N, C-alpha and C. Protein backbone atom coordinates (compact mmCIF):
# COMPACT_ATOMS: atom_id res chain seq x y z
N UNK A 1 0.83 -1.17 0.00
CA UNK A 1 0.00 0.00 0.00
C UNK A 1 0.89 1.24 0.00
N UNK A 2 0.63 2.14 -0.95
CA UNK A 2 1.43 3.35 -1.10
C UNK A 2 0.73 4.50 -0.40
N UNK A 3 1.37 5.05 0.63
CA UNK A 3 0.79 6.17 1.38
C UNK A 3 1.54 7.47 1.13
N UNK A 4 2.35 7.51 0.09
CA UNK A 4 3.09 8.73 -0.23
C UNK A 4 2.13 9.80 -0.73
N UNK A 5 2.43 11.04 -0.37
CA UNK A 5 1.62 12.17 -0.82
C UNK A 5 2.01 12.48 -2.27
N UNK A 6 1.04 12.62 -3.16
CA UNK A 6 1.35 12.91 -4.57
C UNK A 6 1.69 14.39 -4.77
N UNK A 7 2.92 14.75 -4.41
CA UNK A 7 3.34 16.15 -4.46
C UNK A 7 3.30 16.73 -5.86
N UNK A 8 3.44 15.88 -6.87
CA UNK A 8 3.38 16.40 -8.23
C UNK A 8 1.99 16.92 -8.59
N UNK A 9 0.97 16.51 -7.85
CA UNK A 9 -0.38 17.02 -8.06
C UNK A 9 -0.74 18.13 -7.07
N UNK A 10 -0.23 18.04 -5.86
CA UNK A 10 -0.59 19.00 -4.81
C UNK A 10 0.22 20.29 -4.90
N UNK A 11 1.49 20.19 -5.22
CA UNK A 11 2.37 21.37 -5.25
C UNK A 11 1.87 22.47 -6.19
N UNK A 12 1.44 22.17 -7.42
CA UNK A 12 0.94 23.25 -8.28
C UNK A 12 -0.30 23.94 -7.71
N UNK A 13 -1.17 23.20 -7.05
CA UNK A 13 -2.35 23.81 -6.44
C UNK A 13 -1.97 24.74 -5.29
N UNK A 14 -0.98 24.34 -4.52
CA UNK A 14 -0.51 25.19 -3.42
C UNK A 14 0.11 26.47 -3.97
N UNK A 15 0.89 26.35 -5.02
CA UNK A 15 1.52 27.53 -5.63
C UNK A 15 0.45 28.47 -6.20
N UNK A 16 -0.55 27.92 -6.89
CA UNK A 16 -1.63 28.74 -7.44
C UNK A 16 -2.39 29.44 -6.32
N UNK A 17 -2.68 28.70 -5.24
CA UNK A 17 -3.39 29.31 -4.12
C UNK A 17 -2.58 30.44 -3.50
N UNK A 18 -1.29 30.23 -3.30
CA UNK A 18 -0.45 31.28 -2.71
C UNK A 18 -0.40 32.52 -3.59
N UNK A 19 -0.24 32.33 -4.90
CA UNK A 19 -0.18 33.47 -5.82
C UNK A 19 -1.49 34.23 -5.79
N UNK A 20 -2.62 33.51 -5.89
CA UNK A 20 -3.92 34.18 -5.87
C UNK A 20 -4.17 34.88 -4.54
N UNK A 21 -3.79 34.27 -3.44
CA UNK A 21 -3.99 34.89 -2.13
C UNK A 21 -3.17 36.16 -1.98
N UNK A 22 -1.91 36.12 -2.39
CA UNK A 22 -1.04 37.30 -2.26
C UNK A 22 -1.54 38.43 -3.16
N UNK A 23 -1.86 38.10 -4.42
CA UNK A 23 -2.36 39.12 -5.34
C UNK A 23 -3.70 39.68 -4.84
N UNK A 24 -4.56 38.82 -4.34
CA UNK A 24 -5.84 39.28 -3.80
C UNK A 24 -5.68 40.19 -2.61
N UNK A 25 -4.79 39.83 -1.69
CA UNK A 25 -4.57 40.67 -0.50
C UNK A 25 -3.92 42.00 -0.87
N UNK A 26 -3.01 42.00 -1.83
CA UNK A 26 -2.41 43.26 -2.28
C UNK A 26 -3.47 44.14 -2.93
N UNK A 27 -4.29 43.55 -3.79
CA UNK A 27 -5.36 44.30 -4.43
C UNK A 27 -6.34 44.85 -3.41
N UNK A 28 -6.68 44.05 -2.42
CA UNK A 28 -7.60 44.49 -1.37
C UNK A 28 -7.02 45.65 -0.57
N UNK A 29 -5.73 45.60 -0.29
CA UNK A 29 -5.12 46.67 0.50
C UNK A 29 -5.03 47.98 -0.29
N UNK A 30 -5.00 47.91 -1.60
CA UNK A 30 -4.88 49.11 -2.42
C UNK A 30 -6.21 49.73 -2.81
N UNK A 31 -7.30 49.01 -2.66
CA UNK A 31 -8.59 49.51 -3.09
C UNK A 31 -9.23 50.38 -2.02
N UNK A 32 -10.00 51.37 -2.47
CA UNK A 32 -10.67 52.29 -1.55
C UNK A 32 -11.87 51.64 -0.88
N UNK A 33 -12.73 51.00 -1.69
CA UNK A 33 -13.94 50.41 -1.13
C UNK A 33 -14.23 49.07 -1.80
N UNK A 34 -14.93 48.23 -1.06
CA UNK A 34 -15.29 46.91 -1.55
C UNK A 34 -16.76 46.67 -1.27
N UNK A 35 -17.27 45.60 -1.84
CA UNK A 35 -18.63 45.18 -1.51
C UNK A 35 -18.56 44.35 -0.24
N UNK A 36 -18.79 45.00 0.88
CA UNK A 36 -18.65 44.34 2.17
C UNK A 36 -17.42 44.85 2.89
N UNK A 37 -17.29 44.51 4.16
CA UNK A 37 -16.13 44.98 4.94
C UNK A 37 -14.84 44.30 4.49
N UNK A 38 -13.76 45.07 4.55
CA UNK A 38 -12.46 44.54 4.12
C UNK A 38 -12.00 43.36 4.98
N UNK A 39 -12.26 43.41 6.28
CA UNK A 39 -11.81 42.32 7.16
C UNK A 39 -12.45 41.01 6.75
N UNK A 40 -13.70 41.07 6.28
CA UNK A 40 -14.38 39.85 5.85
C UNK A 40 -13.74 39.30 4.58
N UNK A 41 -13.35 40.18 3.66
CA UNK A 41 -12.68 39.72 2.44
C UNK A 41 -11.31 39.12 2.75
N UNK A 42 -10.62 39.64 3.76
CA UNK A 42 -9.35 39.03 4.16
C UNK A 42 -9.58 37.59 4.62
N UNK A 43 -10.61 37.39 5.44
CA UNK A 43 -10.93 36.03 5.92
C UNK A 43 -11.30 35.13 4.74
N UNK A 44 -12.12 35.63 3.82
CA UNK A 44 -12.53 34.83 2.67
C UNK A 44 -11.34 34.47 1.80
N UNK A 45 -10.45 35.42 1.53
CA UNK A 45 -9.29 35.16 0.68
C UNK A 45 -8.35 34.15 1.34
N UNK A 46 -8.09 34.32 2.62
CA UNK A 46 -7.12 33.45 3.30
C UNK A 46 -7.70 32.06 3.57
N UNK A 47 -8.93 32.00 4.02
CA UNK A 47 -9.52 30.71 4.41
C UNK A 47 -10.28 30.03 3.28
N UNK A 48 -10.59 30.76 2.23
CA UNK A 48 -11.41 30.20 1.17
C UNK A 48 -10.64 29.51 0.07
N UNK A 49 -9.36 29.26 0.31
CA UNK A 49 -8.51 28.60 -0.68
C UNK A 49 -8.59 29.34 -2.02
N UNK A 50 -8.55 28.63 -3.11
CA UNK A 50 -8.56 29.26 -4.43
C UNK A 50 -9.89 29.96 -4.69
N UNK A 51 -10.97 29.36 -4.28
CA UNK A 51 -12.30 29.93 -4.52
C UNK A 51 -12.47 31.27 -3.82
N UNK A 52 -11.90 31.46 -2.65
CA UNK A 52 -12.00 32.73 -1.93
C UNK A 52 -11.37 33.87 -2.69
N UNK A 53 -10.21 33.65 -3.27
CA UNK A 53 -9.55 34.68 -4.06
C UNK A 53 -10.33 34.99 -5.32
N UNK A 54 -10.83 33.96 -5.98
CA UNK A 54 -11.61 34.16 -7.20
C UNK A 54 -12.89 34.92 -6.87
N UNK A 55 -13.54 34.59 -5.75
CA UNK A 55 -14.75 35.32 -5.34
C UNK A 55 -14.46 36.79 -5.12
N UNK A 56 -13.33 37.10 -4.51
CA UNK A 56 -12.99 38.51 -4.29
C UNK A 56 -12.87 39.24 -5.62
N UNK A 57 -12.16 38.66 -6.58
CA UNK A 57 -11.97 39.34 -7.85
C UNK A 57 -13.27 39.45 -8.65
N UNK A 58 -14.16 38.50 -8.52
CA UNK A 58 -15.41 38.52 -9.29
C UNK A 58 -16.49 39.34 -8.58
N UNK A 59 -16.63 39.19 -7.26
CA UNK A 59 -17.74 39.80 -6.54
C UNK A 59 -17.31 40.98 -5.68
N UNK A 60 -16.18 40.87 -5.02
CA UNK A 60 -15.81 41.82 -3.98
C UNK A 60 -15.33 43.18 -4.46
N UNK A 61 -14.71 43.22 -5.62
CA UNK A 61 -14.17 44.49 -6.10
C UNK A 61 -15.29 45.34 -6.68
N UNK A 62 -15.25 46.62 -6.39
CA UNK A 62 -16.21 47.56 -6.99
C UNK A 62 -15.59 48.11 -8.26
N UNK A 63 -16.44 48.37 -9.24
CA UNK A 63 -15.96 48.99 -10.48
C UNK A 63 -15.61 50.44 -10.21
N UNK A 64 -14.44 50.84 -10.70
CA UNK A 64 -13.99 52.22 -10.52
C UNK A 64 -14.33 52.97 -11.80
N UNK A 65 -15.22 53.94 -11.68
CA UNK A 65 -15.63 54.72 -12.86
C UNK A 65 -15.52 56.19 -12.59
């Protein structure tokens, strides 16, 4: 029975999550206003894995016009 962790599958997901989380947090810190409180978006980005960052970029950012 092989109990080794398949790092060749997990490592790219971890890297993608880290990149999205860092870019999302930087974007959040630079924006004036969001849809909802900023502290909540920090929790969603950090704890929501890849989906949390994607949600911030799709729903959380307000259009600047």
